[in-house]
N, C-alpha and C. Protein backbone atom coordinates (compact mmCIF):
# COMPACT_ATOMS: atom_id res chain seq x y z
N UNK A 1 0.85 -1.29 0.25
CA UNK A 1 0.07 -0.41 0.10
C UNK A 1 0.99 1.46 0.06
N UNK A 2 1.76 0.98 0.58
CA UNK A 2 2.85 2.04 0.90
C UNK A 2 3.61 2.58 -0.30
N UNK A 3 4.00 1.46 -1.09
CA UNK A 3 4.77 2.25 -2.53
C UNK A 3 3.33 1.91 -3.81
N UNK A 4 2.26 1.73 -3.58
CA UNK A 4 1.16 2.22 -4.51
C UNK A 4 1.00 4.12 -3.89
N UNK A 5 1.05 3.99 -2.44
CA UNK A 5 1.09 5.54 -2.36
C UNK A 5 2.24 6.75 -2.83
N UNK A 6 3.20 6.46 -2.66
CA UNK A 6 4.57 6.93 -3.34
C UNK A 6 4.35 7.17 -4.65
N UNK A 7 3.57 5.90 -5.35
CA UNK A 7 4.21 5.73 -6.73
C UNK A 7 2.95 7.43 -7.57
N UNK A 8 1.49 7.57 -6.69
CA UNK A 8 0.52 8.23 -6.57
C UNK A 8 1.13 9.70 -6.78
N UNK A 9 1.84 9.68 -5.51
CA UNK A 9 2.35 10.83 -5.24
C UNK A 9 3.36 10.81 -6.50
N UNK A 10 3.89 10.26 -7.03
CA UNK A 10 5.10 10.46 -8.13
C UNK A 10 3.58 11.21 -9.85
N UNK A 11 3.01 10.55 -9.98
CA UNK A 11 1.85 10.80 -11.01
C UNK A 11 1.30 12.16 -10.40
N UNK A 12 1.08 12.61 -9.16
CA UNK A 12 0.37 14.09 -8.61
C UNK A 12 1.20 14.76 -9.02
N UNK A 13 2.96 14.97 -8.63
CA UNK A 13 3.60 15.72 -9.18
C UNK A 13 3.92 15.57 -10.60
N UNK A 14 3.81 14.95 -11.32
CA UNK A 14 4.52 14.95 -13.00
C UNK A 14 2.85 15.56 -13.23
N UNK A 15 1.77 15.46 -13.11
CA UNK A 15 0.78 16.08 -13.74
C UNK A 15 0.62 17.46 -13.05
N UNK A 16 0.96 18.21 -11.82
CA UNK A 16 0.75 19.02 -11.65
C UNK A 16 2.02 20.19 -12.58
N UNK A 17 3.33 19.36 -12.56
CA UNK A 17 4.39 20.32 -13.47
C UNK A 17 3.45 20.02 -15.16
N UNK A 18 2.74 18.76 -15.95
CA UNK A 18 2.47 19.28 -17.41
C UNK A 18 1.32 19.83 -16.89
N UNK A 19 0.26 20.25 -15.95
CA UNK A 19 -0.20 21.65 -15.86
C UNK A 19 -0.04 22.55 -16.10
N UNK A 20 0.98 22.71 -15.30
CA UNK A 20 1.71 24.33 -14.78
C UNK A 20 1.83 24.93 -16.48
N UNK A 21 3.14 23.92 -16.96
CA UNK A 21 3.15 23.96 -18.19
C UNK A 21 3.23 24.26 -19.06
N UNK A 22 1.41 23.48 -18.91
CA UNK A 22 1.08 23.17 -20.49
C UNK A 22 -0.26 25.04 -20.24
N UNK A 23 0.21 25.38 -19.26
CA UNK A 23 -0.69 26.92 -18.58
C UNK A 23 0.16 27.71 -19.07
N UNK A 24 1.65 27.56 -19.18
CA UNK A 24 2.81 28.49 -19.31
C UNK A 24 2.79 28.75 -21.00
N UNK A 25 2.52 27.27 -21.37
CA UNK A 25 3.13 27.10 -23.12
C UNK A 25 1.64 27.75 -23.64
N UNK A 26 0.48 27.78 -23.06
CA UNK A 26 -0.69 28.23 -24.01
C UNK A 26 -0.68 30.28 -24.21
N UNK A 27 -0.47 30.42 -22.18
CA UNK A 27 -0.23 31.61 -22.26
C UNK A 27 1.13 32.50 -23.59
N UNK A 28 1.91 32.00 -23.61
CA UNK A 28 2.62 32.31 -24.14
C UNK A 28 2.88 32.29 -25.96
N UNK A 29 1.38 30.91 -26.29
CA UNK A 29 1.38 30.73 -27.49
C UNK A 29 0.36 32.11 -27.84
N UNK A 30 -0.43 32.37 -27.15
CA UNK A 30 -1.40 33.09 -27.41
C UNK A 30 -1.29 34.67 -27.90
N UNK A 31 0.54 35.06 -26.33
CA UNK A 31 0.39 36.07 -26.28
C UNK A 31 1.66 36.21 -28.12
N UNK A 32 2.06 35.48 -28.16
CA UNK A 32 2.94 35.42 -29.65
C UNK A 32 1.63 35.14 -31.07
N UNK A 33 0.30 34.91 -31.12
CA UNK A 33 -0.61 34.89 -31.81
C UNK A 33 -0.72 36.02 -31.94
N UNK A 34 -1.08 36.60 -31.08
CA UNK A 34 -1.56 38.08 -31.07
C UNK A 34 -0.59 39.08 -31.35
N UNK A 35 0.96 39.06 -31.32
CA UNK A 35 2.09 39.50 -32.16
C UNK A 35 1.93 40.35 -33.13
N UNK A 36 1.13 38.48 -33.76
CA UNK A 36 1.28 38.50 -34.97
C UNK A 36 -0.10 38.68 -36.27
N UNK A 37 -1.10 38.87 -35.03
CA UNK A 37 -2.09 39.97 -35.09
C UNK A 37 -2.92 38.90 -35.75
N UNK A 38 -2.86 37.62 -35.13
CA UNK A 38 -3.66 36.23 -35.72
C UNK A 38 -4.22 35.85 -34.29
N UNK A 39 -4.91 36.41 -33.34
CA UNK A 39 -5.32 35.88 -31.95
C UNK A 39 -5.84 34.54 -32.06
N UNK A 40 -5.05 33.50 -30.72
CA UNK A 40 -6.11 32.31 -30.25
C UNK A 40 -7.05 32.76 -29.25
N UNK A 41 -8.39 33.33 -29.29
CA UNK A 41 -8.40 33.08 -27.93
C UNK A 41 -8.26 31.87 -27.20
N UNK A 42 -9.21 30.98 -27.96
CA UNK A 42 -8.85 28.86 -27.23
C UNK A 42 -7.54 29.07 -26.15
N UNK A 43 -6.80 29.67 -26.23
CA UNK A 43 -5.46 29.12 -25.06
C UNK A 43 -5.56 29.85 -24.16
N UNK A 44 -6.05 31.02 -23.73
CA UNK A 44 -6.34 31.53 -22.20
C UNK A 44 -7.30 30.92 -21.91
N UNK A 45 -8.43 29.89 -22.66
CA UNK A 45 -9.25 28.77 -22.17
C UNK A 45 -9.01 27.37 -21.62
N UNK A 46 -7.44 27.74 -22.73
CA UNK A 46 -6.83 25.89 -22.18
C UNK A 46 -5.82 26.41 -20.87
N UNK A 47 -5.32 27.36 -21.47
CA UNK A 47 -4.26 28.16 -19.59
C UNK A 47 -5.13 27.87 -17.65
N UNK A 48 -6.61 28.35 -18.73
CA UNK A 48 -7.80 28.73 -17.36
C UNK A 48 -7.65 27.14 -17.25
N UNK A 49 -8.20 26.18 -17.95
CA UNK A 49 -8.00 24.78 -17.23
C UNK A 49 -7.22 24.46 -16.02
N UNK A 50 -6.27 24.23 -17.43
CA UNK A 50 -4.15 23.86 -16.94
C UNK A 50 -4.24 24.53 -15.92
N UNK A 51 -4.12 25.77 -15.51
CA UNK A 51 -4.18 26.41 -14.26
C UNK A 51 -5.05 25.39 -13.23
N UNK A 52 -6.42 25.90 -13.21
CA UNK A 52 -7.16 24.94 -12.27
C UNK A 52 -6.85 23.62 -11.95
N UNK A 53 -6.72 22.81 -12.36
CA UNK A 53 -6.25 21.69 -11.80
C UNK A 53 -4.51 21.75 -11.53
N UNK A 54 -3.48 22.48 -11.88
CA UNK A 54 -2.50 22.65 -11.63
C UNK A 54 -2.39 23.20 -10.08
N UNK A 55 -3.08 24.04 -9.54
CA UNK A 55 -3.41 25.14 -9.14
C UNK A 55 -3.63 23.91 -7.37
N UNK A 56 -4.31 23.14 -7.53
CA UNK A 56 -5.10 22.31 -6.95
C UNK A 56 -4.26 21.21 -6.41
N UNK A 57 -3.72 20.66 -7.70
CA UNK A 57 -2.60 19.49 -7.12
C UNK A 57 -1.29 20.22 -6.56
N UNK A 58 -0.87 20.94 -7.19
CA UNK A 58 0.82 22.22 -6.28
C UNK A 58 0.01 22.45 -4.86
N UNK A 59 -1.31 22.65 -4.84
CA UNK A 59 -1.42 22.97 -3.27
C UNK A 59 -1.86 22.03 -1.80
N UNK A 60 -1.89 20.64 -3.07
CA UNK A 60 -1.92 19.29 -2.26
C UNK A 60 -0.51 18.96 -1.72
N UNK A 61 0.72 19.03 -2.85
CA UNK A 61 1.85 18.99 -2.91
C UNK A 61 2.77 19.68 -1.85
N UNK A 62 1.83 21.33 -1.66
CA UNK A 62 2.47 21.53 -0.72
C UNK A 62 2.33 21.15 0.34
N UNK A 63 0.97 21.35 0.45
CA UNK A 63 0.30 20.94 1.80
C UNK A 63 1.03 19.58 2.82
N UNK A 64 1.00 18.47 1.90
CA UNK A 64 2.07 17.34 2.07
C UNK A 64 3.44 17.99 2.88
N UNK A 65 4.40 19.19 2.15
CA UNK A 65 5.34 19.27 2.49
C UNK A 65 5.43 20.05 3.14
N UNK A 66 4.56 20.64 3.93
CA UNK A 66 4.71 21.81 5.18
C UNK A 66 5.41 22.92 4.26
N UNK A 67 4.74 23.06 2.84
CA UNK A 67 5.32 24.79 2.37
C UNK A 67 4.29 25.73 2.57
N UNK A 68 3.02 25.31 3.52
CA UNK A 68 2.45 26.81 3.42
C UNK A 68 3.27 28.12 3.98
N UNK A 69 2.48 28.92 4.39
CA UNK A 69 3.18 29.86 5.32
C UNK A 69 2.57 29.72 6.66
N UNK A 70 2.79 29.83 7.72
CA UNK A 70 2.34 29.58 8.95
C UNK A 70 2.70 30.75 9.85
N UNK A 71 2.13 31.45 10.62
CA UNK A 71 2.92 32.17 11.61
C UNK A 71 2.57 31.62 12.87
N UNK A 72 3.51 31.39 13.48
CA UNK A 72 3.21 30.78 14.38
C UNK A 72 3.65 31.74 16.42
N UNK A 73 3.89 32.71 15.97
CA UNK A 73 4.48 33.83 17.38
C UNK A 73 3.18 33.66 18.20
N UNK A 74 2.68 33.04 18.60
CA UNK A 74 1.51 33.34 19.49
C UNK A 74 1.63 32.00 19.87
N UNK A 75 1.74 30.56 18.96
CA UNK A 75 1.93 29.66 19.71
C UNK A 75 3.49 28.55 20.88
N UNK A 76 3.96 29.38 19.86
CA UNK A 76 5.11 28.89 20.10
C UNK A 76 5.63 29.03 21.45
N UNK A 77 5.19 29.98 22.17
CA UNK A 77 4.72 30.74 23.90
C UNK A 77 4.32 29.42 24.31
N UNK A 78 2.88 28.57 24.07
CA UNK A 78 2.46 27.44 24.62
C UNK A 78 3.39 26.04 25.11
N UNK A 79 2.86 25.73 26.28
CA UNK A 79 3.40 24.70 26.43
C UNK A 79 3.50 23.06 25.41
N UNK A 80 4.26 22.10 24.92
CA UNK A 80 4.06 21.24 24.05
C UNK A 80 2.77 20.45 24.17
N UNK A 81 1.76 20.25 25.24
CA UNK A 81 0.99 19.66 25.19
C UNK A 81 0.14 20.27 24.78
N UNK A 82 0.10 21.87 25.21
CA UNK A 82 -0.74 23.21 24.03
C UNK A 82 -1.05 23.31 22.40
N UNK A 83 0.61 23.02 22.39
CA UNK A 83 0.94 23.17 20.83
C UNK A 83 0.69 21.70 20.50
N UNK A 84 0.88 20.69 21.11
CA UNK A 84 0.00 19.23 19.69
C UNK A 84 -1.72 20.02 19.84
N UNK A 85 -2.17 19.71 20.80
CA UNK A 85 -3.93 20.40 20.95
C UNK A 85 -4.10 21.34 20.16
N UNK A 86 -3.27 22.49 20.15
CA UNK A 86 -3.68 23.97 19.05
C UNK A 86 -3.32 22.75 17.46
N UNK A 87 -2.47 21.71 17.20
CA UNK A 87 -1.84 21.52 15.64
C UNK A 87 -3.07 20.54 15.75
N UNK A 88 -3.78 20.00 16.61
CA UNK A 88 -4.68 18.98 16.04
C UNK A 88 -6.09 19.62 15.88
N UNK A 89 -6.44 21.16 16.72
CA UNK A 89 -7.87 21.44 16.48
C UNK A 89 -7.19 22.60 14.95
N UNK A 90 -5.94 22.44 14.49
CA UNK A 90 -6.26 23.16 13.14
C UNK A 90 -5.82 22.67 11.86
N UNK A 91 -5.99 20.88 12.26
CA UNK A 91 -6.01 20.21 11.65
C UNK A 91 -7.51 19.45 11.36
N UNK A 92 -8.33 19.21 12.42
CA UNK A 92 -9.57 19.34 12.58
C UNK A 92 -10.49 20.12 11.76
N UNK A 93 -10.17 21.10 11.94
CA UNK A 93 -10.79 22.79 11.15
C UNK A 93 -10.29 22.51 9.41
N UNK A 94 -9.11 22.36 9.03
CA UNK A 94 -9.11 22.01 8.13
C UNK A 94 -9.32 21.56 7.38
N UNK A 95 -9.89 20.01 8.25
CA UNK A 95 -10.58 18.40 7.52
C UNK A 95 -11.77 19.08 7.24
N UNK A 96 -12.88 20.22 8.29
CA UNK A 96 -13.77 20.00 8.54
C UNK A 96 -13.95 21.07 6.86
N UNK A 97 -13.19 21.93 6.63
CA UNK A 97 -12.91 22.86 5.22
C UNK A 97 -13.19 22.24 3.93
N UNK A 98 -12.23 21.76 3.97
CA UNK A 98 -12.33 20.49 3.24
C UNK A 98 -13.43 19.63 2.79
N UNK A 99 -13.76 18.89 3.77
CA UNK A 99 -15.09 18.35 3.42
C UNK A 99 -16.38 18.80 3.00
N UNK A 100 -16.50 20.55 3.51
CA UNK A 100 -17.37 21.50 2.61
C UNK A 100 -16.81 21.19 1.39
N UNK A 101 -15.31 21.40 1.14
CA UNK A 101 -15.02 21.98 -0.34
C UNK A 101 -15.19 20.82 -1.09
N UNK A 102 -15.19 19.86 -0.53
CA UNK A 102 -15.51 18.47 -1.40
C UNK A 102 -17.24 18.20 -1.43
N UNK A 103 -18.15 18.38 -0.71
CA UNK A 103 -19.27 18.29 -0.95
C UNK A 103 -19.84 19.12 -1.96
N UNK A 104 -18.93 20.43 -1.81
CA UNK A 104 -19.85 21.70 -2.95
C UNK A 104 -19.18 21.75 -3.91
N UNK A 105 -17.78 21.61 -4.07
CA UNK A 105 -17.58 20.70 -5.63
C UNK A 105 -17.80 20.08 -6.01
N UNK A 106 -18.83 19.56 -5.39
CA UNK A 106 -19.59 17.77 -6.33
C UNK A 106 -20.77 18.41 -6.79
N UNK A 107 -20.73 19.47 -6.06
CA UNK A 107 -22.05 19.83 -6.63
C UNK A 107 -22.30 21.14 -7.31
N UNK A 108 -21.16 21.88 -7.24
CA UNK A 108 -21.04 22.68 -8.60
C UNK A 108 -20.69 21.97 -9.73
N UNK A 109 -19.88 20.54 -9.87
CA UNK A 109 -19.97 19.64 -11.20
C UNK A 109 -20.67 19.58 -11.24
N UNK A 110 -22.13 18.69 -10.35
CA UNK A 110 -22.58 18.40 -11.03
C UNK A 110 -23.79 19.48 -11.69
N UNK A 111 -23.76 19.99 -11.01
CA UNK A 111 -24.59 21.24 -11.98
C UNK A 111 -24.59 21.98 -12.67
N UNK A 112 -22.94 22.14 -13.24
CA UNK A 112 -22.59 22.81 -14.41
C UNK A 112 -21.95 21.79 -15.20
N UNK A 113 -22.36 20.71 -15.53
CA UNK A 113 -22.03 19.36 -16.16
C UNK A 113 -23.06 19.70 -17.56
N UNK A 114 -23.96 20.42 -17.53
CA UNK A 114 -24.73 20.91 -18.93
C UNK A 114 -24.14 21.83 -19.89
N UNK A 115 -23.01 22.46 -18.93
CA UNK A 115 -22.95 24.19 -20.00
C UNK A 115 -21.48 23.58 -20.38
N UNK A 116 -21.41 24.59 -21.24
CA UNK A 116 -20.18 23.79 -22.28
C UNK A 116 -19.24 25.15 -21.65
N UNK A 117 -18.07 24.48 -21.82
CA UNK A 117 -16.58 24.88 -21.54
C UNK A 117 -16.58 25.91 -22.77
N UNK A 118 -16.63 27.54 -22.42
CA UNK A 118 -16.39 28.47 -23.71
C UNK A 118 -17.11 28.53 -24.93
N UNK A 119 -18.29 27.60 -25.24
CA UNK A 119 -18.91 27.06 -25.84
C UNK A 119 -18.57 26.25 -26.53
N UNK A 120 -17.07 25.49 -26.77
CA UNK A 120 -16.54 24.50 -27.53
C UNK A 120 -17.55 23.21 -27.05
N UNK A 121 -18.11 22.85 -28.24
CA UNK A 121 -19.22 21.72 -28.32
C UNK A 121 -18.75 20.30 -27.67
N UNK A 122 -19.38 18.97 -26.66
CA UNK A 122 -18.69 18.56 -26.08
C UNK A 122 -18.28 18.22 -25.53
N UNK A 123 -17.44 19.63 -24.72
CA UNK A 123 -16.44 19.82 -23.79
C UNK A 123 -17.01 20.42 -22.44
N UNK A 124 -17.48 19.67 -21.70
CA UNK A 124 -17.86 20.49 -20.26
C UNK A 124 -17.48 21.30 -19.41
N UNK A 125 -18.13 21.98 -18.74
CA UNK A 125 -17.50 22.65 -17.61
C UNK A 125 -17.43 22.15 -16.18
N UNK A 126 -17.50 20.96 -16.57
CA UNK A 126 -17.06 20.09 -15.12
C UNK A 126 -15.94 19.57 -15.46
N UNK A 127 -15.12 19.72 -16.46
CA UNK A 127 -13.87 19.11 -16.10
C UNK A 127 -12.89 20.38 -15.71
N UNK A 128 -13.45 21.52 -15.43
CA UNK A 128 -12.79 22.40 -14.67
C UNK A 128 -13.02 22.58 -13.26
N UNK A 129 -14.43 22.34 -13.01
CA UNK A 129 -15.03 22.82 -11.35
C UNK A 129 -14.52 21.35 -11.09
N UNK A 130 -14.32 20.00 -11.44
CA UNK A 130 -13.87 18.87 -10.94
C UNK A 130 -12.60 19.03 -10.16
N UNK A 131 -12.21 20.45 -11.10
CA UNK A 131 -10.58 20.38 -9.96
C UNK A 131 -10.90 20.81 -8.78
N UNK A 132 -12.11 21.38 -7.74
CA UNK A 132 -11.81 21.79 -6.64
C UNK A 132 -12.62 20.70 -5.97
N UNK A 133 -12.77 19.56 -6.48
CA UNK A 133 -13.13 18.66 -4.94
C UNK A 133 -12.62 17.57 -5.04
N UNK A 134 -11.60 17.51 -6.18
CA UNK A 134 -10.02 16.17 -6.76
C UNK A 134 -9.56 16.64 -5.86
N UNK A 135 -8.99 17.99 -5.74
CA UNK A 135 -8.23 18.51 -5.06
C UNK A 135 -8.11 18.47 -4.09
N UNK A 136 -9.22 19.10 -3.26
CA UNK A 136 -10.16 18.73 -1.74
C UNK A 136 -9.85 17.55 -1.37
N UNK A 137 -10.57 16.89 -2.14
CA UNK A 137 -9.86 14.77 -1.74
C UNK A 137 -8.88 14.77 -1.64
N UNK A 138 -8.01 15.47 -2.08
CA UNK A 138 -6.73 15.21 -1.85
C UNK A 138 -5.71 15.80 -0.94
N UNK A 139 -5.90 16.92 -0.79
CA UNK A 139 -5.98 17.63 0.38
C UNK A 139 -6.60 17.09 1.47
N UNK A 140 -7.28 16.54 2.00
CA UNK A 140 -8.02 15.96 2.79
C UNK A 140 -7.57 14.92 3.26
N UNK A 141 -6.99 14.15 2.43
CA UNK A 141 -6.05 12.67 2.25
C UNK A 141 -5.41 12.99 3.57
N UNK A 142 -4.15 14.05 2.96
CA UNK A 142 -2.88 14.51 3.50
C UNK A 142 -2.77 14.80 5.15
N UNK A 143 -4.45 15.44 5.17
CA UNK A 143 -4.73 16.09 6.49
C UNK A 143 -4.84 14.84 7.49
N UNK A 144 -5.11 13.68 6.82
CA UNK A 144 -5.75 13.19 7.82
C UNK A 144 -4.27 11.84 8.04
N UNK A 145 -3.39 12.04 7.25
CA UNK A 145 -2.33 11.47 7.42
C UNK A 145 -1.68 11.98 8.00
N UNK A 146 -1.30 13.48 7.88
CA UNK A 146 -1.04 14.58 9.00
C UNK A 146 -1.53 13.81 10.39
N UNK A 147 -2.61 13.79 10.20
CA UNK A 147 -3.31 13.63 11.76
C UNK A 147 -3.40 12.38 12.82
N UNK A 148 -2.38 11.76 11.72
CA UNK A 148 -2.46 9.79 12.04
C UNK A 148 -0.70 10.40 12.68
N UNK A 149 -0.14 10.76 11.84
CA UNK A 149 1.37 11.12 11.99
C UNK A 149 1.79 11.74 13.50
N UNK A 150 0.95 13.04 13.61
CA UNK A 150 0.80 13.42 14.68
C UNK A 150 0.31 12.81 16.11
N UNK A 151 -1.05 12.08 16.06
CA UNK A 151 -1.29 11.31 17.36
C UNK A 151 -0.46 9.72 17.45
N UNK A 152 0.80 9.46 16.44
CA UNK A 152 1.61 8.55 16.59
C UNK A 152 2.31 8.93 17.14
N UNK A 153 2.85 9.85 17.08
CA UNK A 153 3.88 11.02 17.50
C UNK A 153 4.09 10.79 18.91
N UNK A 154 2.50 11.99 19.63
CA UNK A 154 2.27 11.47 20.65
C UNK A 154 1.61 10.29 21.46
N UNK A 155 1.26 9.23 21.09
CA UNK A 155 1.10 8.23 21.61
C UNK A 155 2.96 7.69 22.03
N UNK A 156 3.77 7.74 21.24
CA UNK A 156 5.53 7.57 21.30
C UNK A 156 5.67 8.12 22.30
N UNK A 157 5.31 9.45 21.88
CA UNK A 157 6.24 10.57 23.51
C UNK A 157 5.86 9.94 24.67
N UNK A 158 4.33 9.29 24.62
CA UNK A 158 3.64 9.70 26.39
C UNK A 158 4.02 8.20 26.85
N UNK A 159 4.75 7.28 25.77
CA UNK A 159 5.05 6.22 26.48
C UNK A 159 6.50 6.23 26.73
N UNK A 160 7.50 6.98 26.28
CA UNK A 160 8.37 7.05 26.67
C UNK A 160 8.46 8.20 27.75
N UNK A 161 7.67 8.81 28.39
CA UNK A 161 7.67 10.34 29.25
C UNK A 161 6.97 9.09 30.83
N UNK A 162 6.26 8.08 30.70
CA UNK A 162 6.00 7.69 31.61
C UNK A 162 6.69 6.15 31.79
N UNK A 163 6.37 5.75 33.09
CA UNK A 163 7.66 4.56 33.44
C UNK A 163 7.19 3.17 33.43
């Protein structure tokens, strides 16, 4: 199971990079085309789609690697047990928000299924809106893993302290 998850993480990182490269390539192509007075309006649409998917995948990667900004000026003044409690409360709040995003995102994806993406026949707007619940689900999995690790660390610390 661990190897499967590690493989999934590699695929996620590759996909995030591909989406961001597609976004940059489409914006550059659109700009060059405008320079030659042959605008390609669809490039911005593809870039928008790639940005949505890339942003959520990158957010999960950043969350997993603890690369989000945090302000801990007040928390560092608390005791270790209070810091652990605050961290768990923080994880629970994040998890609750992500569950809300998953629920709302799936509703949005479902309601936008009949809408076409920028008028392109056969391409549903749901392909873009699905990035929200998928990204939130990935971040929820990461949050649960972080919570489990923190709880396991607390249990190990408690066993070491008690005789």
